[in-house]
Protein backbone atom coordinates (compact mmCIF):
# COMPACT_ATOMS: atom_id res chain seq x y z
CA MET A 1 23.97 128.66 74.89
CA LYS A 2 22.59 129.29 71.45
CA ALA A 3 23.56 125.76 70.40
CA LYS A 4 21.69 124.27 73.36
CA LEU A 5 18.61 126.38 72.60
CA PHE A 6 18.69 125.32 68.93
CA LEU A 7 19.00 121.65 69.95
CA LYS A 8 16.02 121.99 72.32
CA ILE A 9 13.93 123.51 69.51
CA ILE A 10 14.88 120.68 67.11
CA LEU A 11 14.10 118.02 69.72
CA GLY A 12 10.81 119.73 70.49
CA LEU A 13 9.86 119.77 66.83
CA LEU A 14 10.76 116.08 66.49
CA ALA A 15 8.63 115.27 69.53
CA VAL A 16 5.70 117.14 67.99
CA VAL A 17 6.19 115.33 64.65
CA VAL A 18 6.35 111.94 66.42
CA LEU A 19 3.26 112.84 68.46
CA LEU A 20 1.36 113.96 65.36
CA ALA A 21 2.44 110.85 63.48
CA GLY A 22 1.29 108.70 66.38
CA ILE A 23 -2.04 110.50 66.56
CA SER A 24 -2.46 110.23 62.77
CA PHE A 25 -1.64 106.55 62.90
CA ALA A 26 -4.08 105.94 65.76
CA ILE A 27 -6.83 107.93 64.04
CA GLY A 28 -6.07 106.22 60.75
CA TYR A 29 -6.05 102.80 62.34
CA PHE A 30 -9.23 103.15 64.38
CA TYR A 31 -11.20 105.76 62.44
CA TYR A 32 -10.17 106.06 58.82
CA GLY A 33 -10.22 102.28 58.45
CA LYS A 34 -13.89 102.18 59.36
CA ILE A 35 -14.67 105.10 57.07
CA LEU A 36 -12.77 103.51 54.21
CA ARG A 37 -14.53 100.15 54.65
CA LYS A 38 -17.95 101.82 54.69
CA TYR A 39 -17.09 104.03 51.70
CA LEU A 40 -15.84 101.13 49.57
CA THR A 41 -18.80 98.91 50.44
CA GLU A 42 -21.44 101.55 49.71
CA THR A 43 -19.70 102.97 46.63
CA VAL A 44 -19.28 99.61 44.89
CA SER A 45 -22.92 98.70 45.52
CA GLN A 46 -24.25 102.08 44.38
CA GLU A 47 -22.04 102.57 41.35
CA SER A 48 -22.64 99.02 40.06
CA GLN A 49 -26.38 99.48 40.72
CA GLY A 50 -26.41 96.26 42.72
CA LEU A 51 -24.35 94.20 40.25
CA TYR A 52 -21.38 93.92 42.65
CA ARG A 53 -20.90 93.78 46.40
CA VAL A 54 -17.71 93.95 48.44
CA GLU A 55 -16.64 92.04 51.53
CA ILE A 56 -13.69 93.53 53.43
CA GLY A 57 -11.72 92.13 56.37
CA ASP A 58 -9.17 94.09 58.42
CA ILE A 59 -7.92 97.46 57.14
CA PHE A 60 -4.54 98.89 58.17
CA LEU A 61 -4.03 102.53 57.16
CA ASN A 62 -1.03 104.84 57.49
CA ALA A 63 -2.55 108.26 56.90
CA ALA A 64 0.83 110.03 56.86
CA LEU A 65 2.25 107.88 54.05
CA GLY A 66 -1.04 107.18 52.30
CA ASP A 67 -0.56 103.41 52.55
CA VAL A 68 -3.49 101.03 52.92
CA THR A 69 -3.32 97.27 53.52
CA ILE A 70 -6.50 95.22 53.41
CA ASP A 71 -6.74 91.58 54.47
CA ARG A 72 -9.49 89.37 53.04
CA PHE A 73 -10.96 91.42 50.18
CA SER A 74 -13.73 89.95 47.98
CA LEU A 75 -15.50 91.46 44.98
CA LEU A 76 -18.61 89.41 44.20
CA PRO A 77 -20.77 89.81 41.05
CA ASP A 78 -24.46 88.92 40.92
CA THR A 79 -24.92 86.96 37.65
CA ALA A 80 -28.68 86.72 38.21
CA PHE A 81 -28.83 90.53 38.47
CA TYR A 82 -26.94 90.82 35.16
CA ARG A 83 -29.39 88.55 33.34
CA ALA A 84 -32.35 90.47 34.74
CA HIS A 85 -31.05 93.94 33.85
CA SER A 86 -28.80 93.42 30.81
CA ASN A 87 -31.65 94.20 28.40
CA THR A 88 -32.36 97.59 29.98
CA ASP A 89 -28.97 98.71 31.33
CA THR A 90 -25.59 99.14 29.70
CA LEU A 91 -23.62 96.49 31.55
CA SER A 92 -20.24 95.08 30.57
CA PRO A 93 -20.56 91.40 29.56
CA LEU A 94 -17.33 90.69 31.46
CA LEU A 95 -17.99 90.06 35.14
CA ILE A 96 -15.12 89.60 37.60
CA ARG A 97 -15.06 87.80 40.94
CA LEU A 98 -12.07 88.46 43.20
CA ASN A 99 -10.93 86.75 46.39
CA ILE A 100 -7.74 88.30 47.75
CA LYS A 101 -5.82 87.39 50.88
CA GLN A 102 -4.01 90.72 50.92
CA PHE A 103 -4.61 93.95 49.03
CA ARG A 104 -2.11 96.85 49.17
CA ILE A 105 -2.47 100.49 48.14
CA ARG A 106 0.62 102.68 48.12
CA GLY A 107 0.83 106.43 47.66
CA LEU A 108 -2.85 107.31 48.28
CA HIS A 109 -3.05 111.11 48.45
CA LEU A 110 -5.70 111.58 51.14
CA MET A 111 -5.73 115.39 51.00
CA GLU A 112 -6.33 115.31 47.23
CA MET A 113 -9.25 112.98 47.79
CA VAL A 114 -10.78 115.05 50.61
CA MET A 115 -10.14 118.57 49.33
CA LYS A 116 -10.29 118.14 45.52
CA ARG A 117 -12.36 114.94 45.19
CA LYS A 118 -9.56 113.33 43.21
CA VAL A 119 -8.34 109.79 43.85
CA ASP A 120 -4.62 109.68 43.08
CA VAL A 121 -2.78 106.41 43.80
CA THR A 122 0.80 105.46 42.99
CA ARG A 123 0.32 101.68 43.07
CA ILE A 124 -2.30 99.05 43.81
CA ARG A 125 -1.05 95.52 44.37
CA PHE A 126 -2.97 92.25 44.67
CA ILE A 127 -1.00 89.31 46.07
CA ARG A 128 -2.01 85.74 45.14
CA PRO A 129 -5.66 86.53 44.34
CA GLU A 130 -8.22 84.10 42.98
CA VAL A 131 -9.83 85.65 39.89
CA VAL A 132 -12.86 84.33 38.03
CA VAL A 133 -13.88 86.08 34.78
CA PHE A 134 -17.40 85.44 33.47
CA ARG A 135 -18.27 86.31 29.86
CA MET A 136 -22.02 86.74 29.72
CA LYS A 137 -24.43 86.89 26.80
CA ILE A 138 -24.71 90.30 25.15
CA PRO A 139 -28.32 91.41 24.62
CA PRO A 140 -29.47 93.23 21.45
CA MET A 141 -28.42 96.88 21.57
CA THR A 142 -30.51 99.85 20.54
CA ASN A 143 -27.54 102.23 20.22
CA GLU A 144 -24.71 99.79 19.60
CA GLY A 145 -21.79 102.20 19.20
CA LYS A 146 -22.61 104.21 22.32
CA ASP A 147 -23.35 101.11 24.40
CA LYS A 148 -20.05 99.45 23.42
CA GLU A 149 -18.10 102.54 24.43
CA LYS A 150 -19.68 102.40 27.89
CA MET A 151 -18.83 98.72 28.24
CA MET A 152 -15.18 99.38 27.44
CA SER A 153 -14.71 102.14 30.03
CA ILE A 154 -14.69 102.47 33.82
CA PRO A 155 -17.54 104.67 35.06
CA LEU A 156 -16.61 107.67 37.23
CA PRO A 157 -18.32 107.42 40.65
CA LYS A 158 -20.57 110.34 41.59
CA GLY A 159 -18.92 112.98 43.73
CA LEU A 160 -15.43 112.41 42.26
CA VAL A 161 -13.62 114.55 39.71
CA SER A 162 -11.11 111.90 38.64
CA ILE A 163 -9.42 108.61 39.50
CA GLU A 164 -5.77 108.08 38.60
CA VAL A 165 -3.72 104.96 39.34
CA GLY A 166 -0.09 104.86 38.25
CA GLU A 167 0.33 101.09 38.34
CA PHE A 168 -1.98 98.16 39.07
CA LEU A 169 -0.36 94.78 39.78
CA VAL A 170 -1.85 91.32 40.12
CA GLU A 171 0.83 88.81 41.08
CA ASN A 172 0.67 85.00 41.04
CA ALA A 173 -3.07 84.88 40.58
CA LYS A 174 -5.18 81.79 39.94
CA LEU A 175 -7.44 82.63 36.98
CA ASP A 176 -10.62 80.88 35.86
CA PHE A 177 -12.43 81.93 32.69
CA VAL A 178 -16.10 80.91 32.48
CA ASP A 179 -17.84 81.47 29.14
CA CYS A 180 -21.61 81.84 29.66
CA SER A 181 -22.21 83.57 26.31
CA ARG A 182 -23.35 80.42 24.50
CA ASP A 183 -25.90 77.68 25.06
CA SER A 184 -23.45 75.53 27.02
CA ILE A 185 -21.09 76.87 29.70
CA THR A 186 -17.37 76.21 29.28
CA SER A 187 -14.63 76.81 31.83
CA ASN A 188 -10.83 77.03 31.66
CA SER A 189 -8.47 77.32 34.61
CA PHE A 190 -4.99 78.91 34.61
CA PRO A 191 -2.93 78.22 37.75
CA VAL A 192 -0.53 81.17 37.26
CA CYS A 193 -1.55 84.61 36.02
CA ASN A 194 0.19 88.00 36.24
CA ILE A 195 -1.42 91.30 35.26
CA VAL A 196 0.24 94.71 34.91
CA ILE A 197 -1.95 97.74 34.16
CA LYS A 198 -0.21 101.02 33.42
CA HIS A 199 -1.76 104.42 34.17
CA ILE A 200 -5.50 104.13 34.71
CA LEU A 201 -7.18 107.53 34.27
CA VAL A 202 -10.92 107.99 34.75
CA ASP A 203 -12.37 111.47 34.26
CA SER A 204 -14.84 113.27 32.01
CA ALA A 205 -12.38 113.32 29.08
CA HIS A 206 -11.18 109.69 29.23
CA GLN A 207 -14.06 107.25 28.80
CA GLY A 208 -12.37 104.25 27.19
CA LYS A 209 -12.90 105.23 23.55
CA ARG A 210 -9.23 104.71 22.72
CA ARG A 211 -7.85 103.27 25.95
CA LEU A 212 -9.42 99.96 26.91
CA PHE A 213 -10.72 100.19 30.50
CA ASN A 214 -9.13 103.68 30.70
CA ALA A 215 -5.57 102.26 30.80
CA ASP A 216 -2.49 103.07 28.74
CA ASP A 217 -1.64 99.37 28.63
CA ILE A 218 -2.98 96.12 30.06
CA ARG A 219 -0.49 93.24 29.99
CA ILE A 220 -1.64 89.77 30.97
CA THR A 221 0.68 86.76 31.20
CA LEU A 222 -0.56 83.22 31.80
CA GLY A 223 1.95 80.58 32.87
CA ALA A 224 2.30 76.96 31.78
CA TYR A 225 -1.07 75.40 31.09
CA SER A 226 -2.40 72.13 29.70
CA LEU A 227 -5.76 70.42 29.33
CA PRO A 228 -7.08 67.22 27.76
CA LEU A 229 -9.39 67.75 24.80
CA LYS A 230 -13.01 66.61 24.78
CA ASN A 231 -12.31 63.53 22.66
CA GLY A 232 -10.02 62.16 25.36
CA MET A 233 -7.38 61.34 22.74
CA ASN A 234 -5.23 64.49 22.75
CA LYS A 235 -3.76 67.03 25.11
CA LEU A 236 -3.27 70.75 24.45
CA SER A 237 -0.53 72.63 26.30
CA PHE A 238 1.15 76.04 26.29
CA GLY A 239 4.35 77.29 27.84
CA GLU A 240 3.10 80.87 28.18
CA ILE A 241 0.27 83.06 26.86
CA GLY A 242 0.42 86.85 26.90
CA LEU A 243 -1.36 89.91 25.57
CA SER A 244 -0.91 93.66 25.49
CA THR A 245 -3.71 96.14 24.76
CA ALA A 246 -1.25 98.93 23.87
CA SER A 247 0.42 96.94 21.07
CA GLY A 248 -2.64 94.85 20.16
CA GLU A 249 -0.59 91.64 20.42
CA VAL A 250 -1.34 88.16 21.71
CA TYR A 251 1.43 85.57 21.83
CA ILE A 252 1.59 81.85 22.66
CA ARG A 253 4.89 80.14 23.38
CA ASP A 254 5.56 76.40 23.20
CA PHE A 255 2.21 75.39 21.74
CA HIS A 256 1.81 71.60 21.71
CA LEU A 257 -1.05 69.42 20.47
CA GLU A 258 -0.02 65.99 21.71
CA PRO A 259 -1.68 62.57 21.25
CA LEU A 260 -2.25 60.72 24.52
CA TYR A 261 -1.60 57.33 22.89
CA ASN A 262 1.16 55.99 20.65
CA LYS A 263 0.72 55.51 16.91
CA HIS A 264 -0.25 51.86 17.21
CA ASP A 265 -2.85 52.29 19.97
CA TYR A 266 -4.37 55.60 18.88
CA THR A 267 -6.66 54.38 16.08
CA ARG A 268 -7.35 51.12 17.87
CA LYS A 269 -8.69 53.09 20.82
CA LEU A 270 -10.98 55.00 18.47
CA GLY A 271 -11.91 51.92 16.48
CA TYR A 272 -11.50 53.50 13.07
CA GLN A 273 -8.84 54.98 10.76
CA THR A 274 -7.75 58.56 11.37
CA ASP A 275 -4.63 60.72 11.56
CA TRP A 276 -2.32 60.50 14.59
CA MET A 277 -1.01 64.05 14.69
CA ASP A 278 1.60 65.76 16.86
CA ILE A 279 1.95 69.54 16.38
CA GLN A 280 4.52 71.76 18.07
CA ILE A 281 4.99 75.50 17.50
CA SER A 282 7.69 77.52 19.26
CA ASN A 283 5.95 80.87 18.88
CA LEU A 284 2.51 82.00 17.77
CA ARG A 285 2.02 85.75 17.61
CA PHE A 286 -1.15 87.66 16.69
CA GLN A 287 -0.51 91.29 15.76
CA ARG A 288 -2.88 94.22 15.19
CA MET A 289 -5.56 92.29 17.02
CA ASN A 290 -8.91 93.84 17.87
CA LEU A 291 -8.91 92.91 21.55
CA ARG A 292 -12.16 94.76 22.21
CA SER A 293 -14.06 92.51 19.83
CA LEU A 294 -12.28 89.44 21.20
CA LEU A 295 -13.05 90.20 24.85
CA PHE A 296 -16.60 91.47 24.53
CA GLU A 297 -17.94 89.57 21.52
CA GLY A 298 -15.64 86.59 21.07
CA LYS A 299 -14.71 87.76 17.55
CA MET A 300 -11.23 86.94 16.25
CA HIS A 301 -9.85 89.75 14.06
CA ALA A 302 -6.09 90.17 13.59
CA GLY A 303 -3.96 91.85 10.97
CA LEU A 304 -1.16 89.27 11.14
CA LEU A 305 -0.57 85.81 12.61
CA GLU A 306 3.07 84.67 12.73
CA ILE A 307 3.78 80.95 13.13
CA ASP A 308 7.45 80.47 13.94
CA THR A 309 9.13 77.03 13.93
CA LEU A 310 6.35 74.56 13.23
CA ALA A 311 7.00 70.82 13.65
CA LEU A 312 4.19 68.58 12.36
CA GLU A 313 4.24 64.80 12.50
CA ASP A 314 1.29 63.04 10.84
CA TYR A 315 0.74 59.28 10.71
CA ARG A 316 -2.13 57.25 9.25
CA ASP A 317 -2.50 53.50 9.75
CA LYS A 318 -4.42 52.35 6.68
CA ARG A 319 -4.58 48.79 7.99
CA ILE A 320 -7.48 49.98 10.19
CA ALA A 321 -10.95 50.28 8.62
CA PRO A 322 -12.15 53.85 7.86
CA ARG A 323 -14.77 55.50 10.02
CA PRO A 324 -18.19 54.42 8.67
CA GLY A 325 -20.06 57.23 6.96
CA PHE A 326 -17.47 59.88 7.85
CA LYS A 327 -17.06 62.68 5.31
CA PRO A 328 -14.43 65.23 6.36
CA PRO A 329 -15.39 68.78 5.40
CA MET A 330 -13.44 70.77 2.87
CA PRO A 331 -11.56 73.75 4.39
CA GLN A 332 -14.11 76.11 2.81
CA ASP A 333 -16.96 74.32 4.59
CA GLY A 334 -15.08 74.37 7.87
CA ILE A 335 -14.38 78.11 7.65
CA ARG A 336 -17.95 79.03 6.73
CA LYS A 337 -19.46 76.88 9.50
CA LEU A 338 -17.32 78.32 12.30
CA LYS A 339 -19.57 79.66 15.06
CA THR A 340 -16.98 82.32 15.90
CA TYR A 341 -16.29 85.27 13.62
CA LEU A 342 -12.81 84.90 12.09
CA ARG A 343 -10.73 87.33 10.10
CA ILE A 344 -6.95 87.14 9.87
CA ASP A 345 -5.65 89.32 7.07
CA THR A 346 -2.26 87.59 6.77
CA VAL A 347 -0.85 84.33 8.14
CA LEU A 348 2.93 83.96 7.97
CA LEU A 349 4.68 80.61 8.45
CA LYS A 350 8.43 80.57 9.07
CA ASN A 351 10.81 77.62 9.31
CA GLY A 352 8.33 74.75 9.34
CA THR A 353 8.83 70.99 9.11
CA ALA A 354 6.20 68.39 8.22
CA ARG A 355 6.56 64.61 8.19
CA TYR A 356 3.85 62.29 6.86
CA ALA A 357 3.83 58.51 7.26
CA GLU A 358 1.28 56.08 5.86
CA GLN A 359 1.27 52.38 6.67
CA THR A 360 -0.25 49.58 4.62
CA GLY A 361 2.32 46.85 5.38
CA ALA A 362 4.96 46.04 7.96
CA VAL A 363 6.85 49.34 7.47
CA PRO A 364 5.25 52.76 6.91
CA GLY A 365 6.08 54.87 3.88
CA THR A 366 7.45 58.26 4.89
CA ILE A 367 7.84 61.62 3.20
CA PHE A 368 8.92 64.88 4.80
CA PHE A 369 9.24 68.56 3.95
CA ASP A 370 11.50 71.04 5.70
CA LYS A 371 12.47 74.72 5.38
CA MET A 372 8.77 75.45 4.96
CA ASN A 373 7.84 79.12 4.54
CA ALA A 374 4.41 80.33 3.50
CA ILE A 375 2.10 83.33 3.43
CA PHE A 376 -1.68 83.10 3.43
CA THR A 377 -3.89 86.14 2.85
CA GLY A 378 -7.61 86.54 3.43
CA LEU A 379 -8.41 83.86 6.02
CA THR A 380 -11.98 84.78 6.98
CA ASN A 381 -15.60 83.76 7.29
CA ASP A 382 -16.83 87.36 7.10
CA SER A 383 -20.06 87.02 5.09
CA LEU A 384 -19.71 90.46 3.50
CA LEU A 385 -16.23 89.70 2.17
CA LEU A 386 -17.22 86.20 1.02
CA ASN A 387 -20.32 87.44 -0.78
CA ALA A 388 -18.16 90.08 -2.49
CA GLY A 389 -16.06 87.27 -4.02
CA LEU A 390 -12.92 87.46 -1.87
CA VAL A 391 -10.18 85.13 -3.13
CA SER A 392 -7.84 83.85 -0.41
CA GLU A 393 -4.33 82.91 -1.52
CA LEU A 394 -1.62 80.64 -0.11
CA ASN A 395 1.95 80.90 -1.42
CA GLY A 396 4.61 78.65 0.02
CA THR A 397 7.99 77.00 -0.45
CA ALA A 398 9.41 73.80 1.04
CA TYR A 399 12.09 71.19 0.36
CA MET A 400 10.85 67.64 -0.26
CA MET A 401 13.04 65.08 1.55
CA GLY A 402 15.28 68.02 2.36
CA LYS A 403 16.46 68.28 -1.27
CA GLY A 404 13.93 69.22 -3.96
CA LYS A 405 12.56 72.75 -3.68
CA LEU A 406 8.78 72.96 -4.03
CA ASP A 407 6.91 76.20 -4.78
CA ALA A 408 3.13 76.07 -4.60
CA THR A 409 0.16 78.45 -4.87
CA VAL A 410 -3.39 77.66 -3.79
CA ARG A 411 -6.33 80.04 -4.25
CA PHE A 412 -9.61 79.51 -2.38
CA ASN A 413 -13.00 81.04 -2.92
CA PHE A 414 -14.41 80.52 0.56
CA GLY A 415 -17.77 81.94 -0.45
CA ASP A 416 -18.36 79.39 -3.23
CA LYS A 417 -20.79 76.64 -2.16
CA ARG A 418 -19.08 74.21 -4.56
CA ASN A 419 -15.81 74.79 -2.67
CA SER A 420 -13.88 75.73 -5.79
CA PHE A 421 -10.14 76.30 -5.61
CA THR A 422 -7.10 76.24 -7.87
CA PHE A 423 -3.54 75.13 -7.26
CA SER A 424 -0.27 75.26 -9.14
CA ALA A 425 3.19 73.98 -8.23
CA ARG A 426 6.78 73.70 -9.40
CA MET A 427 9.51 71.41 -8.03
CA GLY A 428 13.06 70.45 -8.85
CA PRO A 429 15.75 69.38 -9.30
CA ILE A 430 16.05 66.21 -7.17
CA ASP A 431 17.42 62.68 -7.39
CA LEU A 432 14.25 60.55 -7.67
CA VAL A 433 15.82 57.78 -5.60
CA ALA A 434 15.06 60.05 -2.61
CA ILE A 435 11.32 59.25 -2.84
CA ASN A 436 11.85 55.50 -2.25
CA PRO A 437 11.19 55.70 1.53
CA MET A 438 7.60 56.57 0.63
CA LEU A 439 7.21 54.72 -2.67
CA SER A 440 8.72 51.34 -1.78
CA ASN A 441 6.69 50.90 1.41
CA LEU A 442 3.37 51.72 -0.25
CA LEU A 443 3.76 50.21 -3.72
CA PRO A 444 5.70 47.15 -4.97
CA ALA A 445 8.10 49.41 -6.85
CA ARG A 446 11.23 51.51 -6.43
CA VAL A 447 13.18 54.02 -8.43
CA VAL A 448 16.52 52.55 -9.54
CA SER A 449 17.75 55.80 -11.04
CA GLY A 450 16.43 59.09 -12.32
CA GLN A 451 17.03 62.81 -12.11
CA LEU A 452 14.08 65.17 -11.88
CA LYS A 453 14.94 68.33 -13.75
CA ARG A 454 11.63 70.04 -13.17
CA LEU A 455 8.04 69.15 -12.34
CA GLU A 456 5.34 71.69 -13.16
CA VAL A 457 1.63 71.80 -12.44
CA PRO A 458 0.62 74.96 -14.38
CA MET A 459 -2.91 75.16 -13.00
CA VAL A 460 -5.43 72.69 -11.62
CA PHE A 461 -9.09 73.68 -11.34
CA ALA A 462 -10.84 71.82 -8.54
CA ASN A 463 -14.07 71.88 -6.56
CA ASN A 464 -15.98 69.65 -4.20
CA ASP A 465 -16.18 66.85 -6.78
CA VAL A 466 -13.34 66.82 -9.31
CA ALA A 467 -9.90 68.20 -10.21
CA LYS A 468 -8.68 68.85 -13.77
CA GLY A 469 -5.40 70.14 -15.11
CA LYS A 470 -2.00 69.39 -16.64
CA LEU A 471 1.32 68.11 -15.31
CA LEU A 472 4.76 68.47 -16.93
CA PHE A 473 7.39 65.99 -15.72
CA TYR A 474 10.93 66.79 -16.94
CA TYR A 475 13.42 64.04 -16.09
CA ASN A 476 16.49 62.09 -17.30
CA ASP A 477 17.71 58.50 -16.95
CA LEU A 478 14.56 57.19 -15.25
CA SER A 479 14.51 53.49 -14.37
CA VAL A 480 11.77 51.86 -12.27
CA GLU A 481 11.89 48.38 -10.74
CA VAL A 482 8.70 46.53 -9.81
CA LEU A 483 9.20 44.48 -6.62
CA ASP A 484 7.59 41.15 -5.71
CA LYS A 485 8.34 39.61 -2.35
CA LYS A 486 7.10 36.15 -3.41
CA GLN A 487 10.04 35.14 -5.55
CA THR A 488 8.77 31.91 -7.20
CA THR A 489 9.89 30.98 -10.68
CA TRP A 490 6.70 32.37 -12.15
CA THR A 491 6.88 35.64 -10.19
CA LYS A 492 10.47 36.16 -11.29
CA ILE A 493 9.38 35.82 -14.93
CA LYS A 494 6.35 38.04 -14.31
CA THR A 495 8.43 40.69 -12.55
CA GLY A 496 10.96 40.68 -15.37
CA VAL A 497 8.20 41.19 -17.95
CA ILE A 498 6.63 43.99 -15.93
CA ASN A 499 9.99 45.71 -15.45
CA PHE A 500 10.68 45.44 -19.20
CA ALA A 501 7.25 46.91 -19.96
CA ALA A 502 7.60 49.66 -17.37
CA ASN A 503 11.05 50.79 -18.46
CA ASP A 504 11.11 50.05 -22.20
CA LEU A 505 7.53 50.14 -23.47
CA ILE A 506 5.76 52.72 -21.28
CA VAL A 507 8.28 54.88 -19.41
CA ASN A 508 10.73 56.83 -21.51
CA ASN A 509 14.19 57.22 -20.02
CA ASP A 510 13.99 60.93 -20.72
CA ASN A 511 11.15 63.46 -20.92
CA PRO A 512 11.36 65.27 -23.23
CA THR A 513 13.02 62.60 -25.33
CA LYS A 514 16.27 63.14 -27.18
CA THR A 515 14.21 64.00 -30.28
CA GLY A 516 12.47 66.78 -28.29
CA LYS A 517 9.09 65.06 -27.90
CA MET A 518 7.42 66.03 -24.61
CA LYS A 519 4.89 63.73 -22.94
CA THR A 520 2.37 65.76 -20.95
CA GLY A 521 0.34 64.31 -18.08
CA THR A 522 -3.40 64.92 -17.85
CA ILE A 523 -4.76 65.48 -14.34
CA PHE A 524 -8.23 64.15 -13.67
CA PHE A 525 -9.36 62.88 -10.30
CA GLU A 526 -12.79 62.51 -8.75
CA ARG A 527 -12.63 63.34 -5.07
CA ALA A 528 -13.26 60.54 -2.58
CA LYS A 529 -15.71 62.20 -0.19
CA ASP A 530 -14.43 60.18 2.77
CA LYS A 531 -10.94 61.75 2.36
CA GLY A 532 -9.68 65.24 3.12
CA ILE A 533 -8.25 67.94 0.87
CA ILE A 534 -4.61 66.82 1.27
CA ASN A 535 -5.51 63.41 -0.13
CA PHE A 536 -7.49 65.12 -2.90
CA VAL A 537 -4.56 67.32 -3.99
CA TRP A 538 -2.05 64.45 -3.76
CA LYS A 539 -4.19 61.97 -5.72
CA SER A 540 -4.88 64.64 -8.35
CA ALA A 541 -1.15 65.23 -8.88
CA LEU A 542 -0.55 61.46 -8.87
CA SER A 543 -3.10 61.02 -11.66
CA GLY A 544 -0.99 63.41 -13.73
CA LEU A 545 2.21 61.46 -12.98
CA LYS A 546 0.54 58.19 -13.99
CA SER A 547 -0.74 59.83 -17.16
CA THR A 548 2.81 60.89 -18.04
CA MET A 549 3.83 57.22 -17.76
CA GLY A 550 1.01 56.16 -20.07
CA PHE A 551 -1.48 55.02 -17.42
CA ASN A 552 -4.72 56.90 -18.22
CA SER A 553 -8.22 56.29 -16.95
CA LYS A 554 -11.20 56.25 -19.31
CA ALA A 555 -11.97 59.88 -18.45
CA GLN A 556 -8.36 60.92 -19.04
CA LYS A 557 -8.33 59.18 -22.45
CA GLU A 558 -11.48 61.07 -23.43
CA MET A 559 -9.95 64.36 -22.30
CA ILE A 560 -6.78 63.67 -24.31
CA ARG A 561 -8.84 62.71 -27.36
CA ASP A 562 -10.95 65.88 -27.09
CA GLU A 563 -7.81 68.02 -26.76
CA LYS A 564 -6.31 66.45 -29.88
CA GLN A 565 -9.51 67.09 -31.81
CA GLN A 566 -9.64 70.70 -30.64
CA THR A 567 -5.97 71.19 -31.55
CA LYS A 568 -6.57 69.68 -34.98
CA GLN A 569 -9.62 71.89 -35.50
CA HIS A 570 -7.68 75.02 -34.51
CA GLN A 571 -4.91 74.13 -36.94
CA GLN A 572 -7.41 73.66 -39.76
CA GLU A 573 -9.09 76.97 -38.97
CA LYS A 574 -5.67 78.65 -38.93
CA LYS A 575 -4.81 77.23 -42.36
CA GLN A 576 -8.13 78.39 -43.78
CA LYS A 577 -7.50 81.91 -42.52
CA GLN A 578 -4.02 81.92 -44.06
CA LYS A 579 -5.54 80.95 -47.43
């Protein structure tokens, strides 16, 4: 009897629970849905002061579980309103437009919201939304620090004590980024975007000073993406782009700058000589990045940029006429003239490869470097640092033709209007026959034999106009053959005479010689303003190599003569002091 009574009580309680659940569902479906739609519509309009409006379709609410599903949700910004009020109000320059087919809220604690005026949500999930982010112009600010803090936080709506969201998910979104902050509007579209935001907390104590948009972490991942560049000659593509506000990192995987035409057609499409360049990087990673400045002001400031596994292929067809009147800027000019603020404290290159080919005849001359590792410090156009005399330094190592180790140091003064810089290098040992793939296809000559013991460039001082310095070329058993494809009787005689002169009269087999005499090369090269810095550095070093072989220009002969006179004068002064 007692068992039957207990069973009746349990069944009665279950019936009451089912009835209450049904009533709650009916009320939630027909009543709370309307209240929620009205509340969201009015709150968004009031709290944004007219900047945003919301359009909401059907709302399905389970009051018992605190689950809300919304079909057809749109958040629409008024860009005209922003322009009209941005000078007087503190408005974030990032505007967002959302179109969502389905919007889900899970774990909404209704009693907390009603009784304690606290919004507490376990998860908010957007499925396949269309997101458009507008970056607007930032007006002059009267109280810059305070205004920026407001821009970086989510305002707390009136009447609420706090808003807390455990997890915010945007899955498989289509993202468009429209930059309206400059004179011309630019737009980029990303077909796949995923966003994960961890723990959003908005209350009187958390206003975005340390947590961007009041979140512990915002992680954004953009899928495969490519676009043709404005010149119509190249394509830029990425495998994946991601960022995290908690770690201050931005990464790019499978970066590829790809020419749209082959080496033969590229310059002929342009109509003038230029570099055909293919660049691939497995991983680019920015660390300690100031994402606030990047998002709100477009300023690039990072503590470290890692470039992992670079593959560069560069080709120049010198059979095509140069671009008329073109004067490529020096790196210093390019950095100073950047419209965007740039400061990267350290750039680290790991495991790079570079191949350069230059064609003047039927076959291009080729040289390559592998196992490239480098560190660059002080890459910036910050006017305060440049005016203070910041010296930026590049230190790197590589293996020429996969054999001869090259160590180089370049120091730039980016603030100097004369674009001054210095460079020094050391290479060796290597079998000089290895350079024939470049030498023989550019010059009518080849190395028959020769062992480079060491090549040193102690220091070259250069600027926008000229480079000066010294070169020390230590080698053994050097033999050079001058080639002539037109093998007539006269050319055979001429070639023999030239080879005799090159090997026996000018070029010593050894440097230093067996008697210990060292022949030093004098570097002097006036920069060709229609060529870039790589050509400038290479031709400067080549002038030193030619000088070592006895080929000196008029300016080099004068420099050598002046040095001898100064040395002689110093020796005389030293003797007089000894007396």
